[in-house]
Amino acid sequence: MAHARYTRWLLEPKFFDVRHYPRIHFVSVPVALSGLARGGPLHGDLTVRGVTRAVDFRMQPSHCAHPRTQTCTIRVVGGIQRSQFGMHAYRALLSDRVQLGLTIVLVPASPGSKEATAH
């Protein structure tokens, strides 16, 4: 955010309410490792303020040399309607559409595990 005042608004109870909901949680559908290099659509469930909705994001191409053995950072962008997540304040001033940019770190699966984890 360009202004500290706007950032404070976003963190308040009327928006993201970070005191009660300090995390945004996203679970994607499985993605092939080859999809990391190409980027493209990324579908999944997003939880904001305790409300979960299906969302469609766009994964940016990521240049991960060895995603099965090294951590890998991907970037995801997309929009949501804030009203679907209980954010109704300031509707006369602000759009219902919010653009999100997420940075996700993929961590290789530990021995014996079948899936990588994301942080």
Protein backbone atom coordinates (compact mmCIF):
# COMPACT_ATOMS: atom_id res chain seq x y z
CA MET A 1 0.00 0.00 0.00
CA ALA A 2 1.22 3.48 -0.84
CA HIS A 3 -0.05 5.12 2.35
CA ALA A 4 0.26 3.99 5.97
CA ARG A 5 -3.34 5.08 6.59
CA TYR A 6 -4.63 2.68 3.94
CA THR A 7 -2.58 -0.13 5.42
CA ARG A 8 -4.10 0.55 8.86
CA TRP A 9 -7.62 0.42 7.30
CA LEU A 10 -6.89 -2.95 5.74
CA LEU A 11 -5.75 -4.40 9.06
CA GLU A 12 -8.79 -3.15 11.01
CA PRO A 13 -11.78 -5.33 11.99
CA LYS A 14 -13.87 -3.90 9.12
CA PHE A 15 -11.46 -5.40 6.58
CA PHE A 16 -8.98 -8.22 7.12
CA ASP A 17 -9.33 -8.08 10.94
CA VAL A 18 -5.79 -9.30 11.53
CA ARG A 19 -6.22 -9.37 15.30
CA HIS A 20 -8.80 -12.18 15.01
CA TYR A 21 -7.67 -13.63 11.66
CA PRO A 22 -3.89 -13.19 11.36
CA ARG A 23 -3.55 -15.60 8.40
CA ILE A 24 -4.90 -15.94 4.91
CA HIS A 25 -4.98 -19.63 3.98
CA PHE A 26 -4.93 -20.98 0.40
CA VAL A 27 -5.11 -24.64 -0.65
CA SER A 28 -4.67 -25.24 -4.36
CA VAL A 29 -5.66 -28.17 -6.46
CA PRO A 30 -2.62 -30.34 -7.27
CA VAL A 31 -0.17 -28.74 -9.72
CA ALA A 32 2.28 -30.66 -11.90
CA LEU A 33 5.91 -29.68 -11.39
CA SER A 34 6.10 -28.77 -15.08
CA GLY A 35 3.36 -26.20 -14.42
CA LEU A 36 5.69 -24.23 -12.15
CA ALA A 37 7.90 -23.18 -15.07
CA ARG A 38 4.96 -22.33 -17.34
CA GLY A 39 2.73 -20.63 -14.81
CA GLY A 40 -0.96 -20.40 -15.57
CA PRO A 41 -4.30 -20.81 -13.82
CA LEU A 42 -4.29 -21.93 -10.22
CA HIS A 43 -7.57 -23.03 -8.67
CA GLY A 44 -8.19 -23.63 -5.00
CA ASP A 45 -9.89 -22.61 -1.78
CA LEU A 46 -9.04 -19.34 -0.06
CA THR A 47 -9.86 -18.66 3.58
CA VAL A 48 -10.03 -15.02 4.67
CA ARG A 49 -11.60 -13.89 7.97
CA GLY A 50 -12.72 -17.46 8.65
CA VAL A 51 -14.69 -17.65 5.37
CA THR A 52 -13.62 -20.14 2.69
CA ARG A 53 -14.45 -19.66 -1.00
CA ALA A 54 -13.29 -21.27 -4.24
CA VAL A 55 -11.02 -18.89 -6.14
CA ASP A 56 -9.10 -18.76 -9.40
CA PHE A 57 -5.67 -17.18 -9.34
CA ARG A 58 -2.87 -16.91 -11.87
CA MET A 59 0.49 -18.46 -11.04
CA GLN A 60 3.47 -16.58 -12.43
CA PRO A 61 6.19 -18.66 -14.13
CA SER A 62 8.77 -19.80 -11.59
CA HIS A 63 12.32 -20.81 -12.36
CA CYS A 64 12.88 -23.53 -9.81
CA ALA A 65 15.89 -25.62 -10.75
CA HIS A 66 15.08 -28.61 -8.53
CA PRO A 67 11.62 -28.22 -6.94
CA ARG A 68 11.65 -31.80 -5.64
CA THR A 69 14.80 -31.21 -3.58
CA GLN A 70 15.07 -27.43 -3.02
CA THR A 71 12.69 -24.78 -1.73
CA CYS A 72 10.91 -22.90 -4.46
CA THR A 73 9.16 -19.53 -4.39
CA ILE A 74 6.12 -18.94 -6.56
CA ARG A 75 4.01 -15.84 -6.99
CA VAL A 76 0.26 -15.92 -7.40
CA VAL A 77 -2.02 -13.03 -8.36
CA GLY A 78 -5.75 -12.66 -8.59
CA GLY A 79 -8.80 -10.84 -7.42
CA ILE A 80 -11.55 -11.54 -4.93
CA GLN A 81 -14.78 -9.82 -4.03
CA ARG A 82 -14.28 -8.61 -0.48
CA SER A 83 -18.00 -8.81 0.30
CA GLN A 84 -17.84 -12.60 -0.14
CA PHE A 85 -15.42 -12.69 2.79
CA GLY A 86 -17.45 -10.44 5.10
CA MET A 87 -15.72 -7.15 4.26
CA HIS A 88 -18.57 -4.69 3.67
CA ALA A 89 -17.18 -1.42 5.08
CA TYR A 90 -16.66 1.72 3.01
CA ARG A 91 -18.56 0.40 0.01
CA ALA A 92 -19.25 3.95 -1.19
CA LEU A 93 -15.52 4.68 -1.25
CA LEU A 94 -13.87 1.42 -2.23
CA SER A 95 -14.48 -1.21 -4.85
CA ASP A 96 -15.73 -4.63 -3.86
CA ARG A 97 -12.93 -6.11 -5.97
CA VAL A 98 -9.58 -6.60 -4.19
CA GLN A 99 -6.42 -7.63 -6.03
CA LEU A 100 -4.16 -9.99 -4.09
CA GLY A 101 -0.55 -10.91 -4.68
CA LEU A 102 0.67 -13.95 -2.76
CA THR A 103 4.23 -15.20 -2.38
CA ILE A 104 4.29 -18.92 -1.61
CA VAL A 105 7.37 -20.91 -0.61
CA LEU A 106 7.20 -24.59 -1.54
CA VAL A 107 9.22 -26.85 0.72
CA PRO A 108 10.22 -30.31 -0.61
CA ALA A 109 8.53 -33.29 0.97
CA SER A 110 10.34 -34.84 3.89
CA PRO A 111 11.50 -38.45 3.51
CA GLY A 112 8.50 -40.77 3.64
CA SER A 113 6.04 -37.99 2.72
CA LYS A 114 4.38 -37.83 -0.69
CA GLU A 115 3.67 -34.12 -0.89
CA ALA A 116 5.56 -30.86 -0.60
CA THR A 117 4.29 -28.25 1.80
CA ALA A 118 3.75 -24.54 1.22
CA HIS A 119 4.42 -21.67 3.59
